[in-house]
């Protein structure tokens, strides 16, 4: 009887500690993402992260081991955010054209809503992907994305709306790049073309442009021919 009671007490005592530990890690990760996004990997300072998270250095290193380990975990969360937002869009049961349209739109939208995603990807590209290469989590996320794209493409080819021979990886690079480049270069491009690329009407126009570019590529040469372009965004 005493053993059971003691075990129950241990469980009650452990649960709040576990929640506190998870909450502490979340605070550290949020602070680290802000610091890495602002200063990059080399410029980021652990002192600044601990001050923002209101934790000691010892506690940070207890949870994450090193600055590089912390950065890799932030990078993983960045990719998890991107994939989760794409996965939040229900695609099951949709026809291939509509499924691809929604995937294009959701990919662009996450870049709009989560600007730190773009900054973190830029930072990691400056380091030639050497930190990303140490994470098996990120590669697994993209294996699932490739499976999703392959399913949509196969269904589109089977029903005659998409042409054959589309590489899912090449397609995603193009789909993502059409939004990523636009937003990551919005300051210089806004100056050069004298328009605010983040204005709602320009974002709506770009979203429709991305969908049309991708679907035109997929349907060009298909048995059913090129689909009609998206209607212009409402004024």
C-alpha atoms as a PDB file:
ATOM      1  CA  UNK A   1       0.000   0.000   0.000  1.00  0.00           C
ATOM      2  CA  UNK A   2       2.754   2.426   0.959  1.00  0.00           C
ATOM      3  CA  UNK A   3       4.564   1.700  -2.301  1.00  0.00           C
ATOM      4  CA  UNK A   4       1.452   2.578  -4.311  1.00  0.00           C
ATOM      5  CA  UNK A   5       0.874   5.781  -2.364  1.00  0.00           C
ATOM      6  CA  UNK A   6       4.518   6.798  -2.722  1.00  0.00           C
ATOM      7  CA  UNK A   7       4.398   6.152  -6.457  1.00  0.00           C
ATOM      8  CA  UNK A   8       1.264   8.258  -6.816  1.00  0.00           C
ATOM      9  CA  UNK A   9       2.906  11.059  -4.860  1.00  0.00           C
ATOM     10  CA  UNK A  10       5.944  10.819  -7.109  1.00  0.00           C
ATOM     11  CA  UNK A  11       3.743  11.112 -10.207  1.00  0.00           C
ATOM     12  CA  UNK A  12       1.947  14.143  -8.822  1.00  0.00           C
ATOM     13  CA  UNK A  13       5.256  15.760  -7.925  1.00  0.00           C
ATOM     14  CA  UNK A  14       6.890  14.884 -11.248  1.00  0.00           C
ATOM     15  CA  UNK A  15       4.155  16.202 -13.554  1.00  0.00           C
ATOM     16  CA  UNK A  16       4.547  19.899 -12.592  1.00  0.00           C
ATOM     17  CA  UNK A  17       8.329  19.545 -12.839  1.00  0.00           C
ATOM     18  CA  UNK A  18       7.974  18.081 -16.323  1.00  0.00           C
ATOM     19  CA  UNK A  19       5.678  20.929 -17.357  1.00  0.00           C
ATOM     20  CA  UNK A  20       8.140  23.448 -15.932  1.00  0.00           C
ATOM     21  CA  UNK A  21      10.974  21.812 -17.862  1.00  0.00           C
ATOM     22  CA  UNK A  22       9.042  21.954 -21.139  1.00  0.00           C
ATOM     23  CA  UNK A  23       8.054  25.553 -20.460  1.00  0.00           C
ATOM     24  CA  UNK A  24      11.672  26.468 -19.752  1.00  0.00           C
ATOM     25  CA  UNK A  25      12.841  24.843 -22.975  1.00  0.00           C
ATOM     26  CA  UNK A  26      10.149  26.686 -24.932  1.00  0.00           C
ATOM     27  CA  UNK A  27      11.257  30.022 -23.442  1.00  0.00           C
ATOM     28  CA  UNK A  28      14.875  29.298 -24.297  1.00  0.00           C
ATOM     29  CA  UNK A  29      13.979  28.289 -27.856  1.00  0.00           C
ATOM     30  CA  UNK A  30      11.842  31.395 -28.394  1.00  0.00           C
ATOM     31  CA  UNK A  31      14.633  33.616 -27.074  1.00  0.00           C
ATOM     32  CA  UNK A  32      17.217  31.780 -29.160  1.00  0.00           C
ATOM     33  CA  UNK A  33      15.166  32.091 -32.333  1.00  0.00           C
ATOM     34  CA  UNK A  34      14.848  35.841 -31.821  1.00  0.00           C
ATOM     35  CA  UNK A  35      18.604  36.159 -31.222  1.00  0.00           C
ATOM     36  CA  UNK A  36      19.662  33.927 -34.135  1.00  0.00           C
ATOM     37  CA  UNK A  37      17.190  35.628 -36.481  1.00  0.00           C
ATOM     38  CA  UNK A  38      18.502  39.048 -35.504  1.00  0.00           C
ATOM     39  CA  UNK A  39      22.241  38.370 -35.382  1.00  0.00           C
ATOM     40  CA  UNK A  40      22.833  35.100 -37.230  1.00  0.00           C
ATOM     41  CA  UNK A  41      24.635  32.096 -35.803  1.00  0.00           C
ATOM     42  CA  UNK A  42      28.055  33.712 -35.398  1.00  0.00           C
ATOM     43  CA  UNK A  43      26.752  37.001 -34.020  1.00  0.00           C
ATOM     44  CA  UNK A  44      24.267  35.493 -31.566  1.00  0.00           C
ATOM     45  CA  UNK A  45      25.317  35.538 -27.909  1.00  0.00           C
ATOM     46  CA  UNK A  46      24.321  32.986 -25.306  1.00  0.00           C
ATOM     47  CA  UNK A  47      24.275  35.764 -22.685  1.00  0.00           C
ATOM     48  CA  UNK A  48      21.602  37.582 -24.680  1.00  0.00           C
ATOM     49  CA  UNK A  49      19.546  34.402 -25.019  1.00  0.00           C
ATOM     50  CA  UNK A  50      19.666  33.613 -21.298  1.00  0.00           C
ATOM     51  CA  UNK A  51      18.786  37.206 -20.417  1.00  0.00           C
ATOM     52  CA  UNK A  52      15.773  37.174 -22.739  1.00  0.00           C
ATOM     53  CA  UNK A  53      14.640  33.737 -21.504  1.00  0.00           C
ATOM     54  CA  UNK A  54      15.360  34.656 -17.852  1.00  0.00           C
ATOM     55  CA  UNK A  55      17.402  31.503 -17.223  1.00  0.00           C
ATOM     56  CA  UNK A  56      20.984  30.796 -16.218  1.00  0.00           C
ATOM     57  CA  UNK A  57      23.666  29.604 -18.607  1.00  0.00           C
ATOM     58  CA  UNK A  58      23.908  26.367 -16.653  1.00  0.00           C
ATOM     59  CA  UNK A  59      20.217  25.684 -17.224  1.00  0.00           C
ATOM     60  CA  UNK A  60      20.498  26.462 -20.936  1.00  0.00           C
ATOM     61  CA  UNK A  61      23.428  24.085 -21.338  1.00  0.00           C
ATOM     62  CA  UNK A  62      21.633  21.474 -19.229  1.00  0.00           C
ATOM     63  CA  UNK A  63      18.785  21.405 -21.751  1.00  0.00           C
ATOM     64  CA  UNK A  64      20.678  21.954 -25.006  1.00  0.00           C
ATOM     65  CA  UNK A  65      24.333  21.105 -24.447  1.00  0.00           C
ATOM     66  CA  UNK A  66      25.951  23.809 -26.563  1.00  0.00           C
ATOM     67  CA  UNK A  67      25.245  26.877 -28.668  1.00  0.00           C
ATOM     68  CA  UNK A  68      25.378  24.754 -31.814  1.00  0.00           C
ATOM     69  CA  UNK A  69      22.956  22.181 -30.379  1.00  0.00           C
ATOM     70  CA  UNK A  70      20.585  25.011 -29.480  1.00  0.00           C
ATOM     71  CA  UNK A  71      20.857  26.499 -32.967  1.00  0.00           C
ATOM     72  CA  UNK A  72      20.130  23.125 -34.578  1.00  0.00           C
ATOM     73  CA  UNK A  73      17.025  22.728 -32.408  1.00  0.00           C
ATOM     74  CA  UNK A  74      15.847  26.221 -33.413  1.00  0.00           C
ATOM     75  CA  UNK A  75      16.475  25.295 -37.040  1.00  0.00           C
ATOM     76  CA  UNK A  76      14.428  22.128 -36.580  1.00  0.00           C
ATOM     77  CA  UNK A  77      11.580  24.149 -35.097  1.00  0.00           C
ATOM     78  CA  UNK A  78      11.764  26.488 -38.089  1.00  0.00           C
ATOM     79  CA  UNK A  79      11.278  23.619 -40.529  1.00  0.00           C
ATOM     80  CA  UNK A  80       8.647  22.044 -38.282  1.00  0.00           C
ATOM     81  CA  UNK A  81       6.701  25.314 -38.385  1.00  0.00           C
ATOM     82  CA  UNK A  82       6.876  25.408 -42.169  1.00  0.00           C
ATOM     83  CA  UNK A  83       5.774  21.804 -42.559  1.00  0.00           C
ATOM     84  CA  UNK A  84       3.086  22.059 -39.857  1.00  0.00           C
ATOM     85  CA  UNK A  85       1.524  25.081 -41.530  1.00  0.00           C
ATOM     86  CA  UNK A  86       1.548  23.285 -44.864  1.00  0.00           C
ATOM     87  CA  UNK A  87       0.089  20.203 -43.177  1.00  0.00           C
ATOM     88  CA  UNK A  88      -2.693  22.249 -41.564  1.00  0.00           C
ATOM     89  CA  UNK A  89      -4.276  22.640 -45.001  1.00  0.00           C
ATOM     90  CA  UNK A  90      -6.655  19.695 -45.570  1.00  0.00           C
ATOM     91  CA  UNK A  91      -5.801  18.126 -48.919  1.00  0.00           C
ATOM     92  CA  UNK A  92      -7.456  14.713 -48.590  1.00  0.00           C
ATOM     93  CA  UNK A  93     -10.390  14.279 -50.940  1.00  0.00           C
ATOM     94  CA  UNK A  94      -9.541  17.304 -53.089  1.00  0.00           C
ATOM     95  CA  UNK A  95      -9.013  17.023 -56.815  1.00  0.00           C
ATOM     96  CA  UNK A  96      -5.312  17.332 -57.790  1.00  0.00           C
ATOM     97  CA  UNK A  97      -5.587  20.872 -59.167  1.00  0.00           C
ATOM     98  CA  UNK A  98      -7.265  22.224 -56.029  1.00  0.00           C
ATOM     99  CA  UNK A  99      -4.855  20.322 -53.765  1.00  0.00           C
ATOM    100  CA  UNK A 100      -1.864  21.826 -55.562  1.00  0.00           C
ATOM    101  CA  UNK A 101      -3.457  25.277 -55.502  1.00  0.00           C
ATOM    102  CA  UNK A 102      -3.893  25.120 -51.730  1.00  0.00           C
ATOM    103  CA  UNK A 103      -0.377  23.805 -51.165  1.00  0.00           C
ATOM    104  CA  UNK A 104       1.041  26.708 -53.209  1.00  0.00           C
ATOM    105  CA  UNK A 105      -1.021  29.216 -51.249  1.00  0.00           C
ATOM    106  CA  UNK A 106      -0.177  27.769 -47.832  1.00  0.00           C
ATOM    107  CA  UNK A 107       3.549  27.691 -48.610  1.00  0.00           C
ATOM    108  CA  UNK A 108       3.489  31.370 -49.572  1.00  0.00           C
ATOM    109  CA  UNK A 109       1.347  32.269 -46.563  1.00  0.00           C
ATOM    110  CA  UNK A 110       3.716  30.736 -44.024  1.00  0.00           C
ATOM    111  CA  UNK A 111       6.545  32.888 -45.403  1.00  0.00           C
ATOM    112  CA  UNK A 112       4.301  35.936 -44.898  1.00  0.00           C
ATOM    113  CA  UNK A 113       3.144  34.987 -41.397  1.00  0.00           C
ATOM    114  CA  UNK A 114       6.477  33.645 -40.096  1.00  0.00           C
ATOM    115  CA  UNK A 115       9.217  36.044 -41.269  1.00  0.00           C
ATOM    116  CA  UNK A 116      11.772  34.365 -38.989  1.00  0.00           C
ATOM    117  CA  UNK A 117      11.482  31.279 -41.195  1.00  0.00           C
ATOM    118  CA  UNK A 118      13.030  33.202 -44.092  1.00  0.00           C
ATOM    119  CA  UNK A 119      15.728  34.716 -41.873  1.00  0.00           C
ATOM    120  CA  UNK A 120      16.695  31.334 -40.419  1.00  0.00           C
ATOM    121  CA  UNK A 121      16.851  29.722 -43.864  1.00  0.00           C
ATOM    122  CA  UNK A 122      19.037  32.577 -45.101  1.00  0.00           C
ATOM    123  CA  UNK A 123      21.327  32.165 -42.093  1.00  0.00           C
ATOM    124  CA  UNK A 124      21.728  28.435 -42.609  1.00  0.00           C
ATOM    125  CA  UNK A 125      22.465  28.905 -46.305  1.00  0.00           C
ATOM    126  CA  UNK A 126      25.297  31.254 -45.345  1.00  0.00           C
ATOM    127  CA  UNK A 127      26.710  28.275 -43.439  1.00  0.00           C
ATOM    128  CA  UNK A 128      26.206  26.003 -46.472  1.00  0.00           C
ATOM    129  CA  UNK A 129      23.735  23.803 -44.606  1.00  0.00           C
ATOM    130  CA  UNK A 130      26.356  22.320 -42.280  1.00  0.00           C
ATOM    131  CA  UNK A 131      24.100  22.500 -39.212  1.00  0.00           C
ATOM    132  CA  UNK A 132      21.068  21.184 -41.078  1.00  0.00           C
ATOM    133  CA  UNK A 133      23.133  18.162 -42.144  1.00  0.00           C
ATOM    134  CA  UNK A 134      23.411  17.160 -38.474  1.00  0.00           C
ATOM    135  CA  UNK A 135      19.631  16.923 -38.026  1.00  0.00           C
ATOM    136  CA  UNK A 136      17.819  13.736 -39.063  1.00  0.00           C
ATOM    137  CA  UNK A 137      14.515  15.389 -38.097  1.00  0.00           C
ATOM    138  CA  UNK A 138      14.536  17.915 -40.940  1.00  0.00           C
ATOM    139  CA  UNK A 139      15.243  15.347 -43.638  1.00  0.00           C
ATOM    140  CA  UNK A 140      12.391  13.188 -42.323  1.00  0.00           C
ATOM    141  CA  UNK A 141      10.011  16.155 -42.582  1.00  0.00           C
ATOM    142  CA  UNK A 142      10.839  16.564 -46.251  1.00  0.00           C
ATOM    143  CA  UNK A 143      10.494  12.863 -46.955  1.00  0.00           C
ATOM    144  CA  UNK A 144       6.848  13.195 -45.913  1.00  0.00           C
ATOM    145  CA  UNK A 145       6.427  16.311 -48.052  1.00  0.00           C
ATOM    146  CA  UNK A 146       7.791  14.449 -51.076  1.00  0.00           C
ATOM    147  CA  UNK A 147       5.283  11.662 -50.422  1.00  0.00           C
ATOM    148  CA  UNK A 148       2.419  14.185 -50.328  1.00  0.00           C
ATOM    149  CA  UNK A 149       3.521  15.805 -53.576  1.00  0.00           C
ATOM    150  CA  UNK A 150       4.008  12.430 -55.238  1.00  0.00           C
ATOM    151  CA  UNK A 151       0.460  11.392 -54.295  1.00  0.00           C
ATOM    152  CA  UNK A 152      -1.039  14.586 -55.754  1.00  0.00           C
ATOM    153  CA  UNK A 153       1.058  14.335 -58.915  1.00  0.00           C
ATOM    154  CA  UNK A 154       0.188  10.666 -59.441  1.00  0.00           C
ATOM    155  CA  UNK A 155      -3.522  11.403 -59.074  1.00  0.00           C
ATOM    156  CA  UNK A 156      -3.247  14.341 -61.470  1.00  0.00           C
ATOM    157  CA  UNK A 157      -1.445  12.242 -64.044  1.00  0.00           C
ATOM    158  CA  UNK A 158      -3.948   9.401 -63.670  1.00  0.00           C
ATOM    159  CA  UNK A 159      -6.922  11.722 -64.218  1.00  0.00           C
ATOM    160  CA  UNK A 160      -5.247  13.484 -67.141  1.00  0.00           C
ATOM    161  CA  UNK A 161      -4.977  16.976 -65.620  1.00  0.00           C
ATOM    162  CA  UNK A 162      -1.192  16.898 -65.019  1.00  0.00           C
ATOM    163  CA  UNK A 163       1.487  15.900 -67.453  1.00  0.00           C
ATOM    164  CA  UNK A 164       3.766  12.999 -66.619  1.00  0.00           C
ATOM    165  CA  UNK A 165       7.372  12.946 -65.467  1.00  0.00           C
ATOM    166  CA  UNK A 166       7.231  15.679 -62.796  1.00  0.00           C
ATOM    167  CA  UNK A 167       9.952  15.485 -60.138  1.00  0.00           C
ATOM    168  CA  UNK A 168       8.407  16.339 -56.714  1.00  0.00           C
ATOM    169  CA  UNK A 169      11.656  17.879 -55.432  1.00  0.00           C
ATOM    170  CA  UNK A 170      12.061  20.140 -58.473  1.00  0.00           C
ATOM    171  CA  UNK A 171       8.417  21.148 -58.216  1.00  0.00           C
ATOM    172  CA  UNK A 172       8.692  22.073 -54.541  1.00  0.00           C
ATOM    173  CA  UNK A 173      11.886  24.075 -55.091  1.00  0.00           C
ATOM    174  CA  UNK A 174      10.085  26.112 -57.755  1.00  0.00           C
ATOM    175  CA  UNK A 175       6.876  26.477 -55.731  1.00  0.00           C
ATOM    176  CA  UNK A 176       8.751  27.574 -52.625  1.00  0.00           C
ATOM    177  CA  UNK A 177      11.215  29.776 -54.488  1.00  0.00           C
ATOM    178  CA  UNK A 178       8.489  31.852 -56.143  1.00  0.00           C
ATOM    179  CA  UNK A 179       7.403  33.087 -52.714  1.00  0.00           C
ATOM    180  CA  UNK A 180      10.696  32.873 -50.840  1.00  0.00           C
ATOM    181  CA  UNK A 181      12.631  35.074 -53.271  1.00  0.00           C
ATOM    182  CA  UNK A 182       9.824  37.626 -53.432  1.00  0.00           C
ATOM    183  CA  UNK A 183       9.695  38.072 -49.645  1.00  0.00           C
ATOM    184  CA  UNK A 184      13.382  37.670 -48.810  1.00  0.00           C
ATOM    185  CA  UNK A 185      14.216  40.411 -51.339  1.00  0.00           C
ATOM    186  CA  UNK A 186      11.161  42.583 -50.743  1.00  0.00           C
ATOM    187  CA  UNK A 187      13.096  45.617 -49.495  1.00  0.00           C
ATOM    188  CA  UNK A 188      15.397  45.929 -52.503  1.00  0.00           C
ATOM    189  CA  UNK A 189      12.708  44.939 -55.009  1.00  0.00           C
ATOM    190  CA  UNK A 190      10.245  47.416 -53.490  1.00  0.00           C
ATOM    191  CA  UNK A 191      12.798  50.183 -54.003  1.00  0.00           C
ATOM    192  CA  UNK A 192      13.691  49.106 -57.540  1.00  0.00           C
ATOM    193  CA  UNK A 193      10.116  48.741 -58.793  1.00  0.00           C
ATOM    194  CA  UNK A 194       8.654  51.543 -56.651  1.00  0.00           C
ATOM    195  CA  UNK A 195       5.937  49.440 -55.086  1.00  0.00           C
ATOM    196  CA  UNK A 196       5.385  48.033 -51.616  1.00  0.00           C
ATOM    197  CA  UNK A 197       5.647  44.281 -52.104  1.00  0.00           C
ATOM    198  CA  UNK A 198       4.108  43.671 -48.660  1.00  0.00           C
ATOM    199  CA  UNK A 199       0.972  45.683 -49.440  1.00  0.00           C
ATOM    200  CA  UNK A 200      -2.102  43.388 -49.260  1.00  0.00           C
ATOM    201  CA  UNK A 201      -3.020  43.904 -52.907  1.00  0.00           C
ATOM    202  CA  UNK A 202       0.504  43.026 -54.059  1.00  0.00           C
ATOM    203  CA  UNK A 203       0.619  39.935 -51.846  1.00  0.00           C
ATOM    204  CA  UNK A 204      -2.716  38.806 -53.305  1.00  0.00           C
ATOM    205  CA  UNK A 205      -1.398  39.384 -56.822  1.00  0.00           C
ATOM    206  CA  UNK A 206       1.770  37.440 -56.066  1.00  0.00           C
ATOM    207  CA  UNK A 207      -0.196  34.557 -54.535  1.00  0.00           C
ATOM    208  CA  UNK A 208      -2.307  34.238 -57.688  1.00  0.00           C
ATOM    209  CA  UNK A 209       0.836  34.490 -59.833  1.00  0.00           C
ATOM    210  CA  UNK A 210       2.503  31.611 -57.963  1.00  0.00           C
ATOM    211  CA  UNK A 211      -0.561  29.398 -58.361  1.00  0.00           C
ATOM    212  CA  UNK A 212      -0.819  30.183 -62.076  1.00  0.00           C
ATOM    213  CA  UNK A 213       2.888  29.550 -62.689  1.00  0.00           C
ATOM    214  CA  UNK A 214       2.839  26.171 -60.951  1.00  0.00           C
ATOM    215  CA  UNK A 215      -0.450  24.955 -62.408  1.00  0.00           C
ATOM    216  CA  UNK A 216       0.458  26.129 -65.913  1.00  0.00           C
ATOM    217  CA  UNK A 217       3.664  24.106 -65.679  1.00  0.00           C
ATOM    218  CA  UNK A 218       1.850  21.026 -64.401  1.00  0.00           C
ATOM    219  CA  UNK A 219      -0.971  21.127 -66.944  1.00  0.00           C
ATOM    220  CA  UNK A 220       1.010  22.179 -70.024  1.00  0.00           C
ATOM    221  CA  UNK A 221       1.092  19.152 -72.313  1.00  0.00           C
ATOM    222  CA  UNK A 222      -1.396  17.181 -70.226  1.00  0.00           C
ATOM    223  CA  UNK A 223      -4.261  15.366 -71.992  1.00  0.00           C
ATOM    224  CA  UNK A 224      -6.756  17.959 -70.707  1.00  0.00           C
ATOM    225  CA  UNK A 225      -4.605  20.994 -71.534  1.00  0.00           C
ATOM    226  CA  UNK A 226      -3.678  24.139 -69.593  1.00  0.00           C
ATOM    227  CA  UNK A 227      -6.216  25.252 -66.992  1.00  0.00           C
ATOM    228  CA  UNK A 228      -7.691  28.742 -66.934  1.00  0.00           C
ATOM    229  CA  UNK A 229      -5.646  31.308 -64.966  1.00  0.00           C
ATOM    230  CA  UNK A 230      -6.701  32.491 -61.527  1.00  0.00           C
ATOM    231  CA  UNK A 231      -9.070  35.473 -61.487  1.00  0.00           C
ATOM    232  CA  UNK A 232      -7.400  38.788 -60.655  1.00  0.00           C
ATOM    233  CA  UNK A 233      -7.376  39.639 -56.932  1.00  0.00           C
ATOM    234  CA  UNK A 234     -10.233  41.801 -55.723  1.00  0.00           C
ATOM    235  CA  UNK A 235      -9.360  45.516 -55.506  1.00  0.00           C
END
